[in-house]
Amino acid sequence: MIFTMQLTGQVTKKPFAEGSKSEHDAVMLITKEGEYVLRRRGGNPFSDPELDKLVGDRIRCEGDLTGYTFLMDTWAEIGE
């Protein structure tokens, strides 16, 4: 099921799917509601330089949530 929504959180990069064949360092969005793998619509799911630039920033983004992945359409950096 896909839900279009807006999320606010901290962007970080950390190991994802540890111990599986899919294990990799993923760009994640940490929110009050949970942690989500962050992807840009049309971006590479395993290596996206545009997402890497957001690591360490706090952002507000809009897109679709499907399972543990948030597929961003738009985003903006925000202050503390």
C-alpha atoms as a PDB file:
ATOM      1  CA  MET A   1       0.000   0.000   0.000  1.00  0.00           C
ATOM      2  CA  ILE A   2       1.300   3.478  -0.902  1.00  0.00           C
ATOM      3  CA  PHE A   3       0.609   6.605   1.155  1.00  0.00           C
ATOM      4  CA  THR A   4       1.416  10.121  -0.109  1.00  0.00           C
ATOM      5  CA  MET A   5       2.520  12.249   2.822  1.00  0.00           C
ATOM      6  CA  GLN A   6       4.881  14.862   4.206  1.00  0.00           C
ATOM      7  CA  LEU A   7       7.638  13.907   6.665  1.00  0.00           C
ATOM      8  CA  THR A   8      10.151  15.924   8.665  1.00  0.00           C
ATOM      9  CA  GLY A   9      13.334  14.439  10.028  1.00  0.00           C
ATOM     10  CA  GLN A  10      17.095  14.050  10.160  1.00  0.00           C
ATOM     11  CA  VAL A  11      18.924  12.517   7.194  1.00  0.00           C
ATOM     12  CA  THR A  12      21.613  10.002   8.088  1.00  0.00           C
ATOM     13  CA  LYS A  13      23.510   7.165   6.435  1.00  0.00           C
ATOM     14  CA  LYS A  14      23.744   3.822   8.175  1.00  0.00           C
ATOM     15  CA  PRO A  15      23.788   0.070   7.536  1.00  0.00           C
ATOM     16  CA  PHE A  16      20.506  -1.368   6.292  1.00  0.00           C
ATOM     17  CA  ALA A  17      19.364  -5.013   6.011  1.00  0.00           C
ATOM     18  CA  GLU A  18      22.364  -6.225   8.000  1.00  0.00           C
ATOM     19  CA  GLY A  19      23.132  -9.896   7.559  1.00  0.00           C
ATOM     20  CA  SER A  20      21.180 -10.241   4.313  1.00  0.00           C
ATOM     21  CA  LYS A  21      22.238 -10.285   0.662  1.00  0.00           C
ATOM     22  CA  SER A  22      20.796  -6.768   0.400  1.00  0.00           C
ATOM     23  CA  GLU A  23      23.000  -5.319   3.164  1.00  0.00           C
ATOM     24  CA  HIS A  24      24.295  -1.849   2.269  1.00  0.00           C
ATOM     25  CA  ASP A  25      24.749   1.639   3.717  1.00  0.00           C
ATOM     26  CA  ALA A  26      21.481   3.443   3.063  1.00  0.00           C
ATOM     27  CA  VAL A  27      20.473   7.076   3.334  1.00  0.00           C
ATOM     28  CA  MET A  28      17.754   7.095   5.988  1.00  0.00           C
ATOM     29  CA  LEU A  29      15.222   9.637   7.222  1.00  0.00           C
ATOM     30  CA  ILE A  30      14.840   9.505  11.010  1.00  0.00           C
ATOM     31  CA  THR A  31      11.479  10.919  12.134  1.00  0.00           C
ATOM     32  CA  LYS A  32       9.417  10.842  15.324  1.00  0.00           C
ATOM     33  CA  GLU A  33       7.239   8.215  13.651  1.00  0.00           C
ATOM     34  CA  GLY A  34      10.047   5.908  12.542  1.00  0.00           C
ATOM     35  CA  GLU A  35      13.052   5.357  10.281  1.00  0.00           C
ATOM     36  CA  TYR A  36      12.702   5.092   6.515  1.00  0.00           C
ATOM     37  CA  VAL A  37      15.042   4.339   3.627  1.00  0.00           C
ATOM     38  CA  LEU A  38      15.120   7.584   1.664  1.00  0.00           C
ATOM     39  CA  ARG A  39      15.012   7.616  -2.128  1.00  0.00           C
ATOM     40  CA  ARG A  40      14.447  10.252  -4.779  1.00  0.00           C
ATOM     41  CA  ARG A  41      11.881   9.441  -7.443  1.00  0.00           C
ATOM     42  CA  GLY A  42      13.990   8.447 -10.460  1.00  0.00           C
ATOM     43  CA  GLY A  43      17.181   8.228  -8.379  1.00  0.00           C
ATOM     44  CA  ASN A  44      19.459   5.210  -8.036  1.00  0.00           C
ATOM     45  CA  PRO A  45      18.245   3.118  -5.067  1.00  0.00           C
ATOM     46  CA  PHE A  46      21.773   2.151  -3.947  1.00  0.00           C
ATOM     47  CA  SER A  47      23.919   5.203  -4.723  1.00  0.00           C
ATOM     48  CA  ASP A  48      22.444   8.672  -5.204  1.00  0.00           C
ATOM     49  CA  PRO A  49      24.875  11.625  -4.929  1.00  0.00           C
ATOM     50  CA  GLU A  50      21.969  14.065  -4.458  1.00  0.00           C
ATOM     51  CA  LEU A  51      20.799  12.183  -1.365  1.00  0.00           C
ATOM     52  CA  ASP A  52      24.352  11.919  -0.064  1.00  0.00           C
ATOM     53  CA  LYS A  53      24.476  15.739  -0.018  1.00  0.00           C
ATOM     54  CA  LEU A  54      21.540  15.761   2.443  1.00  0.00           C
ATOM     55  CA  VAL A  55      23.237  13.528   5.047  1.00  0.00           C
ATOM     56  CA  GLY A  56      23.442  15.479   8.306  1.00  0.00           C
ATOM     57  CA  ASP A  57      20.638  17.875   7.344  1.00  0.00           C
ATOM     58  CA  ARG A  58      17.152  18.205   8.768  1.00  0.00           C
ATOM     59  CA  ILE A  59      14.576  18.206   5.955  1.00  0.00           C
ATOM     60  CA  ARG A  60      10.866  18.365   5.252  1.00  0.00           C
ATOM     61  CA  CYS A  61       9.910  16.193   2.299  1.00  0.00           C
ATOM     62  CA  GLU A  62       6.848  15.120   0.402  1.00  0.00           C
ATOM     63  CA  GLY A  63       6.357  11.827  -1.384  1.00  0.00           C
ATOM     64  CA  ASP A  64       5.076   8.297  -1.145  1.00  0.00           C
ATOM     65  CA  LEU A  65       5.611   5.887   1.730  1.00  0.00           C
ATOM     66  CA  THR A  66       5.606   2.231   0.809  1.00  0.00           C
ATOM     67  CA  GLY A  67       6.677  -0.165   3.525  1.00  0.00           C
ATOM     68  CA  TYR A  68      10.034   1.040   4.886  1.00  0.00           C
ATOM     69  CA  THR A  69      10.901   3.237   1.857  1.00  0.00           C
ATOM     70  CA  PHE A  70      10.041   6.925   1.461  1.00  0.00           C
ATOM     71  CA  LEU A  71      10.140   7.957  -2.205  1.00  0.00           C
ATOM     72  CA  MET A  72      10.621  11.744  -2.234  1.00  0.00           C
ATOM     73  CA  ASP A  73       9.183  14.076  -4.844  1.00  0.00           C
ATOM     74  CA  THR A  74      10.180  17.366  -3.186  1.00  0.00           C
ATOM     75  CA  TRP A  75      12.252  18.396  -0.166  1.00  0.00           C
ATOM     76  CA  ALA A  76      13.637  21.433   1.599  1.00  0.00           C
ATOM     77  CA  GLU A  77      16.302  21.807   4.245  1.00  0.00           C
ATOM     78  CA  ILE A  78      14.973  23.282   7.472  1.00  0.00           C
ATOM     79  CA  GLY A  79      16.570  24.695  10.592  1.00  0.00           C
ATOM     80  CA  GLU A  80      16.588  23.120  14.019  1.00  0.00           C
END
